[in-house]
């Protein structure tokens, strides 16, 4: 896979924590992994949006109550995901 060197501006506290967390491992590899995870999430969200458009085309608009319910589920999942204990490899 081709690599390209770039200059990034990152939050200083987050960068300090990342350096502390990855230790002697590659900072570039950690950032590359985070970018890959973020892109995967964006692709997934785009696929969900496409699926919702198709559902609306086939079955009409999704009721607002259903959308609100789904949004609450996503918020709960996000809150739960951020509160999970972190495992360290190795």
PDB file of N, CA and C in Angstrom:
ATOM      1  N   UNK A   1       0.845  -1.166   0.000  1.00  0.00           N
ATOM      2  CA  UNK A   1       0.000   0.000   0.000  1.00  0.00           C
ATOM      3  C   UNK A   1       0.902   1.245   0.000  1.00  0.00           C
ATOM      4  N   UNK A   2       0.606   2.160  -0.857  1.00  0.00           N
ATOM      5  CA  UNK A   2       1.393   3.388  -0.952  1.00  0.00           C
ATOM      6  C   UNK A   2       1.150   4.269   0.268  1.00  0.00           C
ATOM      7  N   UNK A   3       2.188   4.912   0.718  1.00  0.00           N
ATOM      8  CA  UNK A   3       2.102   5.835   1.850  1.00  0.00           C
ATOM      9  C   UNK A   3       2.471   7.225   1.369  1.00  0.00           C
ATOM     10  N   UNK A   4       1.927   8.227   2.044  1.00  0.00           N
ATOM     11  CA  UNK A   4       2.230   9.618   1.716  1.00  0.00           C
ATOM     12  C   UNK A   4       2.461  10.369   3.018  1.00  0.00           C
ATOM     13  N   UNK A   5       3.504  11.146   3.050  1.00  0.00           N
ATOM     14  CA  UNK A   5       3.809  11.939   4.236  1.00  0.00           C
ATOM     15  C   UNK A   5       2.967  13.211   4.206  1.00  0.00           C
ATOM     16  N   UNK A   6       2.343  13.543   5.356  1.00  0.00           N
ATOM     17  CA  UNK A   6       1.501  14.737   5.469  1.00  0.00           C
ATOM     18  C   UNK A   6       1.828  15.463   6.770  1.00  0.00           C
ATOM     19  N   UNK A   7       1.389  16.696   6.842  1.00  0.00           N
ATOM     20  CA  UNK A   7       1.483  17.463   8.071  1.00  0.00           C
ATOM     21  C   UNK A   7       0.072  17.615   8.620  1.00  0.00           C
ATOM     22  N   UNK A   8      -0.108  17.296   9.902  1.00  0.00           N
ATOM     23  CA  UNK A   8      -1.420  17.386  10.543  1.00  0.00           C
ATOM     24  C   UNK A   8      -1.347  18.320  11.737  1.00  0.00           C
ATOM     25  N   UNK A   9      -2.448  18.958  12.023  1.00  0.00           N
ATOM     26  CA  UNK A   9      -2.577  19.743  13.242  1.00  0.00           C
ATOM     27  C   UNK A   9      -3.585  19.014  14.125  1.00  0.00           C
ATOM     28  N   UNK A  10      -3.133  18.569  15.283  1.00  0.00           N
ATOM     29  CA  UNK A  10      -3.970  17.784  16.183  1.00  0.00           C
ATOM     30  C   UNK A  10      -4.060  18.470  17.540  1.00  0.00           C
ATOM     31  N   UNK A  11      -5.125  18.157  18.265  1.00  0.00           N
ATOM     32  CA  UNK A  11      -5.289  18.654  19.621  1.00  0.00           C
ATOM     33  C   UNK A  11      -4.094  18.181  20.456  1.00  0.00           C
ATOM     34  N   UNK A  12      -3.437  19.098  21.136  1.00  0.00           N
ATOM     35  CA  UNK A  12      -2.209  18.785  21.870  1.00  0.00           C
ATOM     36  C   UNK A  12      -2.434  17.739  22.960  1.00  0.00           C
ATOM     37  N   UNK A  13      -3.528  17.858  23.707  1.00  0.00           N
ATOM     38  CA  UNK A  13      -3.794  16.902  24.784  1.00  0.00           C
ATOM     39  C   UNK A  13      -4.079  15.512  24.223  1.00  0.00           C
ATOM     40  N   UNK A  14      -4.832  15.449  23.136  1.00  0.00           N
ATOM     41  CA  UNK A  14      -5.117  14.151  22.524  1.00  0.00           C
ATOM     42  C   UNK A  14      -3.846  13.523  21.956  1.00  0.00           C
ATOM     43  N   UNK A  15      -3.001  14.339  21.358  1.00  0.00           N
ATOM     44  CA  UNK A  15      -1.747  13.829  20.816  1.00  0.00           C
ATOM     45  C   UNK A  15      -0.853  13.300  21.937  1.00  0.00           C
ATOM     46  N   UNK A  16      -0.808  14.012  23.047  1.00  0.00           N
ATOM     47  CA  UNK A  16      -0.008  13.570  24.195  1.00  0.00           C
ATOM     48  C   UNK A  16      -0.528  12.219  24.696  1.00  0.00           C
ATOM     49  N   UNK A  17      -1.848  12.100  24.800  1.00  0.00           N
ATOM     50  CA  UNK A  17      -2.440  10.839  25.262  1.00  0.00           C
ATOM     51  C   UNK A  17      -2.164   9.710  24.274  1.00  0.00           C
ATOM     52  N   UNK A  18      -2.266  10.019  22.985  1.00  0.00           N
ATOM     53  CA  UNK A  18      -1.994   9.004  21.972  1.00  0.00           C
ATOM     54  C   UNK A  18      -0.548   8.535  22.056  1.00  0.00           C
ATOM     55  N   UNK A  19       0.378   9.461  22.172  1.00  0.00           N
ATOM     56  CA  UNK A  19       1.803   9.091  22.299  1.00  0.00           C
ATOM     57  C   UNK A  19       2.036   8.238  23.550  1.00  0.00           C
ATOM     58  N   UNK A  20       1.382   8.612  24.643  1.00  0.00           N
ATOM     59  CA  UNK A  20       1.508   7.853  25.886  1.00  0.00           C
ATOM     60  C   UNK A  20       0.918   6.445  25.709  1.00  0.00           C
ATOM     61  N   UNK A  21      -0.174   6.351  24.971  1.00  0.00           N
ATOM     62  CA  UNK A  21      -0.857   5.076  24.787  1.00  0.00           C
ATOM     63  C   UNK A  21      -0.104   4.144  23.849  1.00  0.00           C
ATOM     64  N   UNK A  22       0.377   4.659  22.723  1.00  0.00           N
ATOM     65  CA  UNK A  22       1.052   3.785  21.752  1.00  0.00           C
ATOM     66  C   UNK A  22       2.496   3.529  22.135  1.00  0.00           C
ATOM     67  N   UNK A  23       3.049   4.333  23.021  1.00  0.00           N
ATOM     68  CA  UNK A  23       4.399   4.109  23.500  1.00  0.00           C
ATOM     69  C   UNK A  23       5.404   4.085  22.360  1.00  0.00           C
ATOM     70  N   UNK A  24       6.196   3.022  22.304  1.00  0.00           N
ATOM     71  CA  UNK A  24       7.263   2.909  21.319  1.00  0.00           C
ATOM     72  C   UNK A  24       6.726   2.535  19.932  1.00  0.00           C
ATOM     73  N   UNK A  25       5.466   2.150  19.875  1.00  0.00           N
ATOM     74  CA  UNK A  25       4.890   1.809  18.583  1.00  0.00           C
ATOM     75  C   UNK A  25       4.753   3.045  17.722  1.00  0.00           C
ATOM     76  N   UNK A  26       4.487   2.836  16.454  1.00  0.00           N
ATOM     77  CA  UNK A  26       4.445   3.928  15.490  1.00  0.00           C
ATOM     78  C   UNK A  26       3.232   4.829  15.682  1.00  0.00           C
ATOM     79  N   UNK A  27       3.494   6.115  15.868  1.00  0.00           N
ATOM     80  CA  UNK A  27       2.425   7.102  15.933  1.00  0.00           C
ATOM     81  C   UNK A  27       1.684   7.156  14.596  1.00  0.00           C
ATOM     82  N   UNK A  28       2.439   7.068  13.502  1.00  0.00           N
ATOM     83  CA  UNK A  28       1.821   7.078  12.172  1.00  0.00           C
ATOM     84  C   UNK A  28       0.867   5.911  11.999  1.00  0.00           C
ATOM     85  N   UNK A  29       1.249   4.733  12.473  1.00  0.00           N
ATOM     86  CA  UNK A  29       0.386   3.556  12.357  1.00  0.00           C
ATOM     87  C   UNK A  29      -0.900   3.750  13.162  1.00  0.00           C
ATOM     88  N   UNK A  30      -0.776   4.369  14.345  1.00  0.00           N
ATOM     89  CA  UNK A  30      -1.958   4.601  15.173  1.00  0.00           C
ATOM     90  C   UNK A  30      -2.909   5.581  14.493  1.00  0.00           C
ATOM     91  N   UNK A  31      -2.375   6.664  13.940  1.00  0.00           N
ATOM     92  CA  UNK A  31      -3.216   7.646  13.253  1.00  0.00           C
ATOM     93  C   UNK A  31      -3.822   7.021  11.997  1.00  0.00           C
ATOM     94  N   UNK A  32      -3.037   6.243  11.255  1.00  0.00           N
ATOM     95  CA  UNK A  32      -3.538   5.582  10.057  1.00  0.00           C
ATOM     96  C   UNK A  32      -4.688   4.635  10.401  1.00  0.00           C
ATOM     97  N   UNK A  33      -4.549   3.913  11.494  1.00  0.00           N
ATOM     98  CA  UNK A  33      -5.605   3.007  11.944  1.00  0.00           C
ATOM     99  C   UNK A  33      -6.873   3.774  12.327  1.00  0.00           C
ATOM    100  N   UNK A  34      -6.701   4.913  13.000  1.00  0.00           N
ATOM    101  CA  UNK A  34      -7.859   5.733  13.386  1.00  0.00           C
ATOM    102  C   UNK A  34      -8.563   6.291  12.156  1.00  0.00           C
ATOM    103  N   UNK A  35      -7.784   6.715  11.163  1.00  0.00           N
ATOM    104  CA  UNK A  35      -8.380   7.226   9.919  1.00  0.00           C
ATOM    105  C   UNK A  35      -9.144   6.109   9.218  1.00  0.00           C
ATOM    106  N   UNK A  36      -8.582   4.909   9.183  1.00  0.00           N
ATOM    107  CA  UNK A  36      -9.264   3.773   8.553  1.00  0.00           C
ATOM    108  C   UNK A  36     -10.590   3.478   9.256  1.00  0.00           C
ATOM    109  N   UNK A  37     -10.596   3.497  10.593  1.00  0.00           N
ATOM    110  CA  UNK A  37     -11.826   3.248  11.349  1.00  0.00           C
ATOM    111  C   UNK A  37     -12.857   4.340  11.082  1.00  0.00           C
ATOM    112  N   UNK A  38     -12.406   5.589  11.009  1.00  0.00           N
ATOM    113  CA  UNK A  38     -13.316   6.700  10.739  1.00  0.00           C
ATOM    114  C   UNK A  38     -13.922   6.576   9.348  1.00  0.00           C
ATOM    115  N   UNK A  39     -13.106   6.233   8.361  1.00  0.00           N
ATOM    116  CA  UNK A  39     -13.622   6.064   6.995  1.00  0.00           C
ATOM    117  C   UNK A  39     -14.612   4.906   6.915  1.00  0.00           C
ATOM    118  N   UNK A  40     -14.345   3.831   7.645  1.00  0.00           N
ATOM    119  CA  UNK A  40     -15.279   2.701   7.693  1.00  0.00           C
ATOM    120  C   UNK A  40     -16.615   3.153   8.266  1.00  0.00           C
ATOM    121  N   UNK A  41     -16.567   3.951   9.325  1.00  0.00           N
ATOM    122  CA  UNK A  41     -17.813   4.466   9.926  1.00  0.00           C
ATOM    123  C   UNK A  41     -18.567   5.354   8.944  1.00  0.00           C
ATOM    124  N   UNK A  42     -17.852   6.238   8.242  1.00  0.00           N
ATOM    125  CA  UNK A  42     -18.513   7.110   7.270  1.00  0.00           C
ATOM    126  C   UNK A  42     -19.144   6.310   6.133  1.00  0.00           C
ATOM    127  N   UNK A  43     -18.452   5.271   5.663  1.00  0.00           N
ATOM    128  CA  UNK A  43     -19.026   4.416   4.606  1.00  0.00           C
ATOM    129  C   UNK A  43     -20.273   3.713   5.109  1.00  0.00           C
ATOM    130  N   UNK A  44     -20.223   3.251   6.362  1.00  0.00           N
ATOM    131  CA  UNK A  44     -21.383   2.574   6.945  1.00  0.00           C
ATOM    132  C   UNK A  44     -22.568   3.535   7.052  1.00  0.00           C
ATOM    133  N   UNK A  45     -22.313   4.738   7.536  1.00  0.00           N
ATOM    134  CA  UNK A  45     -23.396   5.724   7.654  1.00  0.00           C
ATOM    135  C   UNK A  45     -23.969   6.080   6.287  1.00  0.00           C
ATOM    136  N   UNK A  46     -23.121   6.187   5.276  1.00  0.00           N
ATOM    137  CA  UNK A  46     -23.603   6.475   3.920  1.00  0.00           C
ATOM    138  C   UNK A  46     -24.466   5.324   3.408  1.00  0.00           C
ATOM    139  N   UNK A  47     -24.070   4.086   3.713  1.00  0.00           N
ATOM    140  CA  UNK A  47     -24.862   2.928   3.293  1.00  0.00           C
ATOM    141  C   UNK A  47     -26.223   2.927   3.980  1.00  0.00           C
ATOM    142  N   UNK A  48     -26.254   3.283   5.257  1.00  0.00           N
ATOM    143  CA  UNK A  48     -27.533   3.367   5.986  1.00  0.00           C
ATOM    144  C   UNK A  48     -28.411   4.453   5.365  1.00  0.00           C
ATOM    145  N   UNK A  49     -27.814   5.604   5.050  1.00  0.00           N
ATOM    146  CA  UNK A  49     -28.579   6.679   4.397  1.00  0.00           C
ATOM    147  C   UNK A  49     -29.167   6.210   3.072  1.00  0.00           C
ATOM    148  N   UNK A  50     -28.353   5.515   2.266  1.00  0.00           N
ATOM    149  CA  UNK A  50     -28.837   4.992   0.983  1.00  0.00           C
ATOM    150  C   UNK A  50     -29.977   4.010   1.196  1.00  0.00           C
ATOM    151  N   UNK A  51     -29.841   3.155   2.225  1.00  0.00           N
ATOM    152  CA  UNK A  51     -30.868   2.170   2.518  1.00  0.00           C
ATOM    153  C   UNK A  51     -32.170   2.860   2.939  1.00  0.00           C
ATOM    154  N   UNK A  52     -32.062   3.913   3.752  1.00  0.00           N
ATOM    155  CA  UNK A  52     -33.263   4.646   4.166  1.00  0.00           C
ATOM    156  C   UNK A  52     -33.950   5.325   2.979  1.00  0.00           C
ATOM    157  N   UNK A  53     -33.159   5.865   2.061  1.00  0.00           N
ATOM    158  CA  UNK A  53     -33.739   6.471   0.857  1.00  0.00           C
ATOM    159  C   UNK A  53     -34.503   5.420   0.060  1.00  0.00           C
ATOM    160  N   UNK A  54     -33.908   4.236  -0.072  1.00  0.00           N
ATOM    161  CA  UNK A  54     -34.571   3.152  -0.812  1.00  0.00           C
ATOM    162  C   UNK A  54     -35.855   2.710  -0.105  1.00  0.00           C
ATOM    163  N   UNK A  55     -35.804   2.605   1.226  1.00  0.00           N
ATOM    164  CA  UNK A  55     -37.015   2.238   1.974  1.00  0.00           C
ATOM    165  C   UNK A  55     -38.119   3.272   1.781  1.00  0.00           C
ATOM    166  N   UNK A  56     -37.735   4.546   1.842  1.00  0.00           N
ATOM    167  CA  UNK A  56     -38.740   5.595   1.641  1.00  0.00           C
ATOM    168  C   UNK A  56     -39.304   5.567   0.228  1.00  0.00           C
ATOM    169  N   UNK A  57     -38.459   5.246  -0.741  1.00  0.00           N
ATOM    170  CA  UNK A  57     -38.928   5.161  -2.126  1.00  0.00           C
ATOM    171  C   UNK A  57     -39.947   4.026  -2.269  1.00  0.00           C
ATOM    172  N   UNK A  58     -39.682   2.915  -1.606  1.00  0.00           N
ATOM    173  CA  UNK A  58     -40.557   1.750  -1.723  1.00  0.00           C
ATOM    174  C   UNK A  58     -41.795   1.838  -0.837  1.00  0.00           C
ATOM    175  N   UNK A  59     -41.654   2.419   0.362  1.00  0.00           N
ATOM    176  CA  UNK A  59     -42.729   2.321   1.354  1.00  0.00           C
ATOM    177  C   UNK A  59     -43.244   3.660   1.861  1.00  0.00           C
ATOM    178  N   UNK A  60     -42.702   4.752   1.376  1.00  0.00           N
ATOM    179  CA  UNK A  60     -43.125   6.063   1.848  1.00  0.00           C
ATOM    180  C   UNK A  60     -42.252   6.531   2.999  1.00  0.00           C
ATOM    181  N   UNK A  61     -42.505   7.745   3.462  1.00  0.00           N
ATOM    182  CA  UNK A  61     -41.663   8.329   4.512  1.00  0.00           C
ATOM    183  C   UNK A  61     -41.677   7.507   5.811  1.00  0.00           C
ATOM    184  N   UNK A  62     -40.541   7.497   6.473  1.00  0.00           N
ATOM    185  CA  UNK A  62     -40.431   6.843   7.774  1.00  0.00           C
ATOM    186  C   UNK A  62     -41.090   7.761   8.798  1.00  0.00           C
ATOM    187  N   UNK A  63     -41.983   7.220   9.626  1.00  0.00           N
ATOM    188  CA  UNK A  63     -42.637   8.062  10.638  1.00  0.00           C
ATOM    189  C   UNK A  63     -41.608   8.715  11.559  1.00  0.00           C
ATOM    190  N   UNK A  64     -41.870   9.956  11.949  1.00  0.00           N
ATOM    191  CA  UNK A  64     -40.929  10.695  12.798  1.00  0.00           C
ATOM    192  C   UNK A  64     -40.682   9.976  14.122  1.00  0.00           C
ATOM    193  N   UNK A  65     -41.698   9.287  14.657  1.00  0.00           N
ATOM    194  CA  UNK A  65     -41.524   8.553  15.912  1.00  0.00           C
ATOM    195  C   UNK A  65     -40.480   7.450  15.740  1.00  0.00           C
ATOM    196  N   UNK A  66     -40.488   6.796  14.593  1.00  0.00           N
ATOM    197  CA  UNK A  66     -39.517   5.735  14.325  1.00  0.00           C
ATOM    198  C   UNK A  66     -38.116   6.312  14.213  1.00  0.00           C
ATOM    199  N   UNK A  67     -37.980   7.456  13.536  1.00  0.00           N
ATOM    200  CA  UNK A  67     -36.674   8.100  13.412  1.00  0.00           C
ATOM    201  C   UNK A  67     -36.144   8.536  14.770  1.00  0.00           C
ATOM    202  N   UNK A  68     -37.025   9.080  15.617  1.00  0.00           N
ATOM    203  CA  UNK A  68     -36.614   9.494  16.962  1.00  0.00           C
ATOM    204  C   UNK A  68     -36.175   8.290  17.790  1.00  0.00           C
ATOM    205  N   UNK A  69     -36.918   7.192  17.695  1.00  0.00           N
ATOM    206  CA  UNK A  69     -36.576   5.959  18.401  1.00  0.00           C
ATOM    207  C   UNK A  69     -35.203   5.457  17.946  1.00  0.00           C
ATOM    208  N   UNK A  70     -34.974   5.454  16.639  1.00  0.00           N
ATOM    209  CA  UNK A  70     -33.689   4.993  16.105  1.00  0.00           C
ATOM    210  C   UNK A  70     -32.550   5.902  16.558  1.00  0.00           C
ATOM    211  N   UNK A  71     -32.790   7.200  16.580  1.00  0.00           N
ATOM    212  CA  UNK A  71     -31.762   8.149  17.028  1.00  0.00           C
ATOM    213  C   UNK A  71     -31.405   7.895  18.490  1.00  0.00           C
ATOM    214  N   UNK A  72     -32.397   7.584  19.310  1.00  0.00           N
ATOM    215  CA  UNK A  72     -32.131   7.282  20.717  1.00  0.00           C
ATOM    216  C   UNK A  72     -31.291   6.013  20.853  1.00  0.00           C
ATOM    217  N   UNK A  73     -31.584   5.018  20.022  1.00  0.00           N
ATOM    218  CA  UNK A  73     -30.790   3.786  20.052  1.00  0.00           C
ATOM    219  C   UNK A  73     -29.332   4.065  19.697  1.00  0.00           C
ATOM    220  N   UNK A  74     -29.127   4.874  18.681  1.00  0.00           N
ATOM    221  CA  UNK A  74     -27.762   5.212  18.266  1.00  0.00           C
ATOM    222  C   UNK A  74     -27.050   5.975  19.374  1.00  0.00           C
ATOM    223  N   UNK A  75     -27.733   6.927  20.000  1.00  0.00           N
ATOM    224  CA  UNK A  75     -27.123   7.682  21.104  1.00  0.00           C
ATOM    225  C   UNK A  75     -26.752   6.761  22.255  1.00  0.00           C
ATOM    226  N   UNK A  76     -27.635   5.813  22.578  1.00  0.00           N
ATOM    227  CA  UNK A  76     -27.348   4.868  23.656  1.00  0.00           C
ATOM    228  C   UNK A  76     -26.160   3.987  23.286  1.00  0.00           C
ATOM    229  N   UNK A  77     -26.104   3.561  22.029  1.00  0.00           N
ATOM    230  CA  UNK A  77     -24.990   2.732  21.593  1.00  0.00           C
ATOM    231  C   UNK A  77     -23.687   3.518  21.662  1.00  0.00           C
ATOM    232  N   UNK A  78     -23.711   4.760  21.188  1.00  0.00           N
ATOM    233  CA  UNK A  78     -22.515   5.598  21.236  1.00  0.00           C
ATOM    234  C   UNK A  78     -22.055   5.801  22.677  1.00  0.00           C
ATOM    235  N   UNK A  79     -22.994   6.063  23.574  1.00  0.00           N
ATOM    236  CA  UNK A  79     -22.643   6.270  24.977  1.00  0.00           C
ATOM    237  C   UNK A  79     -22.075   4.988  25.573  1.00  0.00           C
ATOM    238  N   UNK A  80     -22.656   3.861  25.228  1.00  0.00           N
ATOM    239  CA  UNK A  80     -22.161   2.580  25.727  1.00  0.00           C
ATOM    240  C   UNK A  80     -20.810   2.233  25.152  1.00  0.00           C
ATOM    241  N   UNK A  81     -20.592   2.537  23.870  1.00  0.00           N
ATOM    242  CA  UNK A  81     -19.318   2.224  23.226  1.00  0.00           C
ATOM    243  C   UNK A  81     -18.198   3.038  23.834  1.00  0.00           C
ATOM    244  N   UNK A  82     -18.473   4.297  24.173  1.00  0.00           N
ATOM    245  CA  UNK A  82     -17.417   5.142  24.730  1.00  0.00           C
ATOM    246  C   UNK A  82     -17.142   4.790  26.187  1.00  0.00           C
ATOM    247  N   UNK A  83     -18.087   4.114  26.843  1.00  0.00           N
ATOM    248  CA  UNK A  83     -17.897   3.770  28.237  1.00  0.00           C
ATOM    249  C   UNK A  83     -17.308   2.386  28.463  1.00  0.00           C
ATOM    250  N   UNK A  84     -17.065   1.638  27.383  1.00  0.00           N
ATOM    251  CA  UNK A  84     -16.511   0.297  27.516  1.00  0.00           C
ATOM    252  C   UNK A  84     -15.068   0.344  27.986  1.00  0.00           C
ATOM    253  N   UNK A  85     -14.673  -0.636  28.778  1.00  0.00           N
ATOM    254  CA  UNK A  85     -13.257  -0.694  29.143  1.00  0.00           C
ATOM    255  C   UNK A  85     -12.412  -0.980  27.918  1.00  0.00           C
ATOM    256  N   UNK A  86     -11.236  -0.370  27.869  1.00  0.00           N
ATOM    257  CA  UNK A  86     -10.370  -0.539  26.712  1.00  0.00           C
ATOM    258  C   UNK A  86      -9.403  -1.690  26.964  1.00  0.00           C
ATOM    259  N   UNK A  87      -9.268  -2.541  25.948  1.00  0.00           N
ATOM    260  CA  UNK A  87      -8.319  -3.637  26.033  1.00  0.00           C
ATOM    261  C   UNK A  87      -7.034  -3.218  25.347  1.00  0.00           C
ATOM    262  N   UNK A  88      -5.946  -3.684  25.869  1.00  0.00           N
ATOM    263  CA  UNK A  88      -4.654  -3.419  25.238  1.00  0.00           C
ATOM    264  C   UNK A  88      -4.153  -4.703  24.619  1.00  0.00           C
ATOM    265  N   UNK A  89      -3.679  -4.594  23.400  1.00  0.00           N
ATOM    266  CA  UNK A  89      -3.114  -5.756  22.718  1.00  0.00           C
ATOM    267  C   UNK A  89      -1.781  -6.125  23.369  1.00  0.00           C
ATOM    268  N   UNK A  90      -1.498  -7.422  23.296  1.00  0.00           N
ATOM    269  CA  UNK A  90      -0.171  -7.842  23.757  1.00  0.00           C
ATOM    270  C   UNK A  90      -0.211  -8.384  25.065  1.00  0.00           C
TER     271      UNK A  90
END
